[in-house]
């Protein structure tokens, strides 16, 4: 069913004339007549009011269109891009608005076209660009209704950035609710809002939490790269990754224990008795300072769980028990320093 047919069907069910409908919507009766005869489409801004007036959903109103294919969307985007590059902004805007009147239920298209309009008015420094706000925002909001999580995220991100530019920080913050709390980018965006709105301590804390989490992730990545190098029997690259992991620990002020952990694994792989013994001894001594990073200025606004001497003692004993694993450290069993290390603990 075409949109005009949908409008006519539900208008008649409400026993409403074209004149009455036009008056309620603030348009002319000929405009309603053209919609119903398929000679034109309602403006995108009128879709929600029409749906409310007819007591139907916007989806019902727009059910006349199937989903556009990715190729169709790509072609439309390319054509819109040419208009923005080769014509005035106003001409391109009119062209894009007509496209959205034709395909108002394509959330992906709505987001991409709105993003193009939003970006070009900034790059071109369009005069009175605020007059295009309503249409661009309506398109973004339409995209928020998408079944695609990615499109909803992109639309929310676009609305966040739009209101951030306008320094409407409370409005920008609202759209963070469309993003997963596990998404580190959301935390960064939230921290920015904290800073802009005078919540400085909260901003510090959010940024520090991002730093701390990023250290853990990057360290694991270096370890995975190291394992790949070992698998590939590329010892030069393995040394490179271990050095980078140690440098990372220094940069993030995690303490010497974390700087040494990769080095111990590499020494065991190469069965280097001296370096294995040196590193193991240092790691055991550093267990008492393993939580020193909690005193670093990098994390001063974060709250860390306090640990007692019992925790440190248990950790040290666990490390000793690990060193007794003959499958890993069997090559050290006749090493005098290794024997002493076990005896001393």
Protein backbone atom coordinates (compact mmCIF):
# COMPACT_ATOMS: atom_id res chain seq x y z
CA UNK A 1 0.00 0.00 0.00
CA UNK A 2 1.33 3.46 -0.95
CA UNK A 3 1.62 6.14 1.74
CA UNK A 4 -1.20 8.10 0.12
CA UNK A 5 -3.44 5.07 0.23
CA UNK A 6 -2.50 4.54 3.88
CA UNK A 7 -3.40 8.13 4.72
CA UNK A 8 -6.72 7.89 2.85
CA UNK A 9 -7.62 4.57 4.48
CA UNK A 10 -7.07 5.70 8.07
CA UNK A 11 -8.45 9.23 7.46
CA UNK A 12 -11.75 7.74 6.29
CA UNK A 13 -11.79 5.32 9.22
CA UNK A 14 -11.67 8.40 11.47
CA UNK A 15 -14.52 10.00 9.41
CA UNK A 16 -12.24 12.97 8.73
CA UNK A 17 -12.37 15.08 5.60
CA UNK A 18 -9.28 16.24 3.71
CA UNK A 19 -10.09 19.80 4.82
CA UNK A 20 -10.26 18.77 8.48
CA UNK A 21 -7.01 16.86 8.23
CA UNK A 22 -5.29 19.77 6.49
CA UNK A 23 -6.45 22.19 9.17
CA UNK A 24 -5.20 19.94 11.98
CA UNK A 25 -1.78 19.62 10.31
CA UNK A 26 -1.43 23.25 9.26
CA UNK A 27 -1.30 22.47 5.53
CA UNK A 28 -3.64 23.10 2.62
CA UNK A 29 -6.37 20.66 1.53
CA UNK A 30 -4.73 20.35 -1.95
CA UNK A 31 -1.57 19.11 -0.20
CA UNK A 32 -3.51 16.29 1.49
CA UNK A 33 -5.18 15.51 -1.83
CA UNK A 34 -1.79 15.24 -3.54
CA UNK A 35 -0.52 12.86 -0.85
CA UNK A 36 -3.49 10.59 -1.23
CA UNK A 37 -3.25 10.57 -5.02
CA UNK A 38 0.47 9.80 -4.93
CA UNK A 39 1.46 13.09 -6.58
CA UNK A 40 3.68 14.12 -3.68
CA UNK A 41 4.86 12.93 -0.27
CA UNK A 42 4.45 14.56 3.14
CA UNK A 43 7.45 16.42 4.52
CA UNK A 44 9.48 14.26 6.88
CA UNK A 45 8.62 16.67 9.73
CA UNK A 46 4.92 15.85 9.27
CA UNK A 47 5.23 12.06 9.52
CA UNK A 48 4.91 11.88 13.30
CA UNK A 49 1.99 14.41 13.45
CA UNK A 50 0.16 12.52 10.68
CA UNK A 51 0.64 9.21 12.50
CA UNK A 52 -0.64 10.70 15.77
CA UNK A 53 -3.61 12.28 14.03
CA UNK A 54 -4.59 8.98 12.43
CA UNK A 55 -3.86 6.95 15.59
CA UNK A 56 -1.32 4.74 13.84
CA UNK A 57 2.42 4.19 14.23
CA UNK A 58 4.97 5.84 11.98
CA UNK A 59 5.98 2.32 10.90
CA UNK A 60 2.40 1.69 9.74
CA UNK A 61 2.38 4.99 7.91
CA UNK A 62 5.67 4.13 6.20
CA UNK A 63 4.93 0.50 5.46
CA UNK A 64 4.66 1.23 1.75
CA UNK A 65 8.45 1.09 1.32
CA UNK A 66 10.62 -2.01 1.59
CA UNK A 67 14.18 -1.85 2.81
CA UNK A 68 16.71 -0.27 0.52
CA UNK A 69 19.60 -2.50 -0.42
CA UNK A 70 23.16 -1.53 0.51
CA UNK A 71 23.86 -0.84 -3.15
CA UNK A 72 20.83 1.44 -3.46
CA UNK A 73 21.92 3.35 -0.36
CA UNK A 74 25.46 3.64 -1.72
CA UNK A 75 24.17 5.09 -5.01
CA UNK A 76 21.97 7.61 -3.20
CA UNK A 77 24.85 8.66 -0.93
CA UNK A 78 27.16 9.12 -3.94
CA UNK A 79 24.55 11.27 -5.67
CA UNK A 80 24.02 13.37 -2.54
CA UNK A 81 27.78 13.78 -2.16
CA UNK A 82 28.05 15.12 -5.71
CA UNK A 83 25.27 17.60 -4.99
CA UNK A 84 27.02 18.85 -1.87
CA UNK A 85 30.32 19.24 -3.73
CA UNK A 86 29.02 20.80 -6.95
CA UNK A 87 25.94 22.78 -5.88
CA UNK A 88 25.08 25.28 -3.21
CA UNK A 89 24.37 23.89 0.23
CA UNK A 90 20.72 24.94 -0.02
CA UNK A 91 20.28 23.12 -3.34
CA UNK A 92 21.86 19.99 -1.92
CA UNK A 93 19.69 20.26 1.17
CA UNK A 94 16.50 20.43 -0.90
CA UNK A 95 17.65 17.42 -2.91
CA UNK A 96 18.39 15.40 0.25
CA UNK A 97 15.12 16.39 1.88
CA UNK A 98 13.24 15.09 -1.15
CA UNK A 99 15.13 11.81 -0.91
CA UNK A 100 14.09 11.43 2.71
CA UNK A 101 10.49 12.19 1.77
CA UNK A 102 10.72 9.31 -0.67
CA UNK A 103 12.50 6.89 1.67
CA UNK A 104 11.54 8.08 5.16
CA UNK A 105 11.73 4.61 6.74
CA UNK A 106 15.36 3.87 5.90
CA UNK A 107 17.16 4.58 9.17
CA UNK A 108 20.60 3.95 7.70
CA UNK A 109 19.95 6.40 4.88
CA UNK A 110 18.54 8.95 7.32
CA UNK A 111 21.67 8.81 9.47
CA UNK A 112 24.13 8.94 6.58
CA UNK A 113 22.39 11.82 4.80
CA UNK A 114 22.04 13.79 8.04
CA UNK A 115 25.72 13.21 8.80
CA UNK A 116 26.68 14.49 5.36
CA UNK A 117 24.56 17.61 5.78
CA UNK A 118 25.91 18.18 9.28
CA UNK A 119 29.54 17.80 8.22
CA UNK A 120 29.32 19.90 5.05
CA UNK A 121 27.69 22.85 6.79
CA UNK A 122 30.68 22.92 9.15
CA UNK A 123 33.33 22.53 6.44
CA UNK A 124 31.63 25.03 4.12
CA UNK A 125 30.93 27.44 6.99
CA UNK A 126 27.33 27.76 5.82
CA UNK A 127 25.66 30.98 6.94
CA UNK A 128 22.62 30.59 9.20
CA UNK A 129 23.36 26.88 9.40
CA UNK A 130 21.09 26.61 12.45
CA UNK A 131 18.03 26.72 10.19
CA UNK A 132 18.92 23.20 9.06
CA UNK A 133 19.07 21.87 12.62
CA UNK A 134 15.52 20.61 12.82
CA UNK A 135 15.73 18.44 9.71
CA UNK A 136 19.17 17.05 10.59
CA UNK A 137 18.14 16.29 14.17
CA UNK A 138 14.89 14.66 13.02
CA UNK A 139 16.87 12.38 10.71
CA UNK A 140 19.27 11.42 13.48
CA UNK A 141 16.38 10.70 15.84
CA UNK A 142 14.74 8.58 13.15
CA UNK A 143 17.96 6.54 12.94
CA UNK A 144 17.78 5.96 16.70
CA UNK A 145 14.76 3.73 16.00
CA UNK A 146 16.79 1.37 13.84
CA UNK A 147 16.91 -2.34 14.63
CA UNK A 148 20.64 -2.16 13.93
CA UNK A 149 22.66 -1.53 17.09
CA UNK A 150 25.45 0.01 15.02
CA UNK A 151 23.12 2.56 13.36
CA UNK A 152 21.57 3.45 16.74
CA UNK A 153 25.07 3.96 18.16
CA UNK A 154 26.18 6.11 15.22
CA UNK A 155 23.04 8.22 15.40
CA UNK A 156 23.47 8.75 19.15
CA UNK A 157 27.14 9.66 18.62
CA UNK A 158 26.14 12.18 15.94
CA UNK A 159 23.54 13.79 18.21
CA UNK A 160 26.07 13.90 21.05
CA UNK A 161 28.58 15.72 18.84
CA UNK A 162 25.95 18.09 17.47
CA UNK A 163 24.83 19.22 20.93
CA UNK A 164 28.42 19.29 22.15
CA UNK A 165 29.22 21.82 19.41
CA UNK A 166 26.27 23.88 20.56
CA UNK A 167 27.51 23.66 24.15
CA UNK A 168 24.19 22.09 25.14
CA UNK A 169 25.95 19.62 27.37
CA UNK A 170 22.94 18.21 29.22
CA UNK A 171 21.29 17.41 25.89
CA UNK A 172 24.50 15.83 24.58
CA UNK A 173 24.75 13.69 27.72
CA UNK A 174 21.25 12.27 27.14
CA UNK A 175 22.40 10.43 24.03
CA UNK A 176 25.09 8.54 25.90
CA UNK A 177 22.22 6.37 27.20
CA UNK A 178 22.00 4.79 23.74
CA UNK A 179 25.54 3.46 24.09
CA UNK A 180 26.74 0.40 25.96
CA UNK A 181 28.24 1.12 29.37
CA UNK A 182 31.01 -1.34 28.48
CA UNK A 183 32.06 0.84 25.55
CA UNK A 184 35.22 2.77 26.53
CA UNK A 185 34.33 5.48 24.02
CA UNK A 186 31.17 6.20 25.99
CA UNK A 187 33.28 6.71 29.13
CA UNK A 188 35.59 9.09 27.26
CA UNK A 189 32.61 11.06 25.95
CA UNK A 190 31.11 11.14 29.44
CA UNK A 191 34.42 12.37 30.88
CA UNK A 192 34.44 15.19 28.36
CA UNK A 193 30.95 16.24 29.48
CA UNK A 194 32.07 16.09 33.10
CA UNK A 195 34.92 18.46 32.32
CA UNK A 196 32.72 20.84 30.34
CA UNK A 197 30.13 21.05 33.12
CA UNK A 198 32.46 21.64 36.04
CA UNK A 199 32.44 18.08 37.39
CA UNK A 200 36.23 18.03 37.40
CA UNK A 201 36.80 15.27 39.94
CA UNK A 202 34.44 12.96 38.07
CA UNK A 203 36.24 13.78 34.82
CA UNK A 204 39.63 12.93 36.34
CA UNK A 205 38.28 9.63 37.67
CA UNK A 206 36.72 8.63 34.34
CA UNK A 207 39.90 9.40 32.39
CA UNK A 208 42.06 7.55 34.92
CA UNK A 209 39.80 4.49 34.72
CA UNK A 210 40.22 4.56 30.95
CA UNK A 211 44.02 4.72 31.32
CA UNK A 212 44.05 1.82 33.77
CA UNK A 213 41.79 -0.32 31.59
CA UNK A 214 43.79 0.52 28.47
CA UNK A 215 47.00 -0.57 30.16
CA UNK A 216 45.52 -3.98 30.87
CA UNK A 217 44.25 -4.38 27.32
CA UNK A 218 47.45 -3.21 25.60
CA UNK A 219 49.59 -5.36 27.88
CA UNK A 220 47.54 -8.43 26.95
CA UNK A 221 47.90 -7.54 23.27
CA UNK A 222 51.70 -7.35 23.58
CA UNK A 223 51.66 -10.71 25.35
CA UNK A 224 49.58 -12.22 22.55
CA UNK A 225 51.96 -10.79 19.97
CA UNK A 226 54.85 -12.25 21.93
CA UNK A 227 53.19 -15.69 21.90
CA UNK A 228 52.71 -15.44 18.14
CA UNK A 229 56.40 -14.60 17.71
CA UNK A 230 57.35 -17.64 19.82
CA UNK A 231 55.03 -19.80 17.74
CA UNK A 232 56.66 -18.38 14.64
CA UNK A 233 60.11 -19.06 16.14
CA UNK A 234 61.05 -15.41 15.69
CA UNK A 235 63.05 -14.70 18.86
CA UNK A 236 64.15 -11.25 17.74
CA UNK A 237 60.53 -10.16 17.50
CA UNK A 238 59.72 -11.92 20.80
CA UNK A 239 62.39 -9.81 22.54
CA UNK A 240 60.99 -6.71 20.88
CA UNK A 241 57.47 -7.33 22.21
CA UNK A 242 58.71 -8.12 25.73
CA UNK A 243 60.68 -4.85 25.77
CA UNK A 244 57.58 -2.95 24.62
CA UNK A 245 55.48 -4.59 27.33
CA UNK A 246 58.03 -3.57 29.97
CA UNK A 247 58.15 -0.02 28.59
CA UNK A 248 54.36 0.10 28.75
CA UNK A 249 54.41 -0.87 32.42
CA UNK A 250 56.94 1.91 33.09
CA UNK A 251 54.90 4.46 31.15
CA UNK A 252 51.74 3.63 33.11
CA UNK A 253 53.71 3.52 36.39
CA UNK A 254 52.61 -0.03 37.19
CA UNK A 255 55.80 -0.97 39.05
CA UNK A 256 58.80 -3.20 38.43
CA UNK A 257 56.91 -6.46 39.06
CA UNK A 258 54.85 -5.88 35.90
CA UNK A 259 57.93 -4.78 33.99
CA UNK A 260 59.60 -8.12 34.81
CA UNK A 261 56.81 -10.60 34.16
CA UNK A 262 57.31 -10.77 30.39
CA UNK A 263 61.06 -10.96 30.78
CA UNK A 264 60.75 -14.06 32.99
CA UNK A 265 58.61 -15.86 30.42
CA UNK A 266 61.13 -15.09 27.68
CA UNK A 267 64.08 -16.29 29.81
CA UNK A 268 62.25 -19.57 30.47
CA UNK A 269 61.52 -20.01 26.77
CA UNK A 270 65.21 -19.51 25.98
CA UNK A 271 66.23 -21.61 29.03
CA UNK A 272 68.58 -18.85 30.17
CA UNK A 273 69.41 -19.86 33.75
CA UNK A 274 71.06 -16.59 34.80
CA UNK A 275 68.28 -14.31 33.57
CA UNK A 276 65.61 -16.68 34.89
CA UNK A 277 67.19 -16.64 38.37
CA UNK A 278 67.81 -12.85 38.29
CA UNK A 279 64.25 -12.12 37.22
CA UNK A 280 62.60 -14.55 39.62
CA UNK A 281 64.52 -13.08 42.57
CA UNK A 282 63.52 -9.54 41.62
CA UNK A 283 59.88 -10.50 41.13
CA UNK A 284 59.75 -12.12 44.57
CA UNK A 285 61.20 -9.00 46.18
CA UNK A 286 58.81 -6.79 44.22
CA UNK A 287 55.67 -8.59 45.42
CA UNK A 288 55.72 -6.33 48.47
CA UNK A 289 55.44 -3.32 46.17
CA UNK A 290 53.09 -4.84 43.61
CA UNK A 291 50.33 -2.38 44.53
CA UNK A 292 52.51 0.72 44.41
CA UNK A 293 50.70 1.86 41.27
CA UNK A 294 47.73 2.77 43.50
CA UNK A 295 49.83 5.68 44.80
CA UNK A 296 50.68 6.95 41.31
CA UNK A 297 49.37 10.42 40.38
CA UNK A 298 48.02 8.75 37.23
CA UNK A 299 45.32 7.04 39.31
CA UNK A 300 44.92 9.35 42.31
CA UNK A 301 41.16 9.80 41.82
CA UNK A 302 40.46 6.07 41.63
CA UNK A 303 39.47 3.95 44.61
CA UNK A 304 41.41 0.70 44.95
CA UNK A 305 40.63 -2.10 47.35
CA UNK A 306 43.10 -2.14 50.23
CA UNK A 307 45.30 -5.23 50.62
CA UNK A 308 46.99 -6.54 53.75
CA UNK A 309 50.24 -8.38 54.45
CA UNK A 310 48.41 -11.70 54.22
CA UNK A 311 47.57 -11.01 50.59
CA UNK A 312 51.21 -10.20 49.79
CA UNK A 313 52.44 -13.33 51.59
CA UNK A 314 49.95 -15.52 49.70
CA UNK A 315 50.97 -13.98 46.41
CA UNK A 316 54.63 -14.58 47.12
CA UNK A 317 53.93 -18.20 48.05
CA UNK A 318 51.90 -18.71 44.88
CA UNK A 319 54.85 -17.40 42.89
CA UNK A 320 57.18 -19.84 44.69
CA UNK A 321 54.78 -22.70 43.95
CA UNK A 322 54.80 -21.67 40.30
CA UNK A 323 58.60 -21.80 40.27
CA UNK A 324 58.41 -25.40 41.51
CA UNK A 325 56.57 -26.49 38.38
CA UNK A 326 59.06 -28.84 36.72
CA UNK A 327 57.24 -28.80 33.40
CA UNK A 328 58.14 -25.11 33.12
CA UNK A 329 61.21 -24.67 35.31
CA UNK A 330 62.70 -28.18 35.18
CA UNK A 331 65.81 -26.88 33.44
CA UNK A 332 66.63 -24.90 36.65
CA UNK A 333 66.57 -27.84 39.08
CA UNK A 334 70.39 -28.10 39.34
CA UNK A 335 70.94 -24.34 39.51
CA UNK A 336 72.38 -23.37 42.91
CA UNK A 337 70.66 -20.01 43.01
CA UNK A 338 67.35 -21.64 42.14
CA UNK A 339 67.71 -24.16 44.94
CA UNK A 340 68.57 -21.36 47.38
CA UNK A 341 65.60 -19.36 46.20
CA UNK A 342 63.28 -22.24 47.05
CA UNK A 343 64.99 -22.89 50.39
CA UNK A 344 64.83 -19.26 51.44
CA UNK A 345 61.09 -19.21 50.94
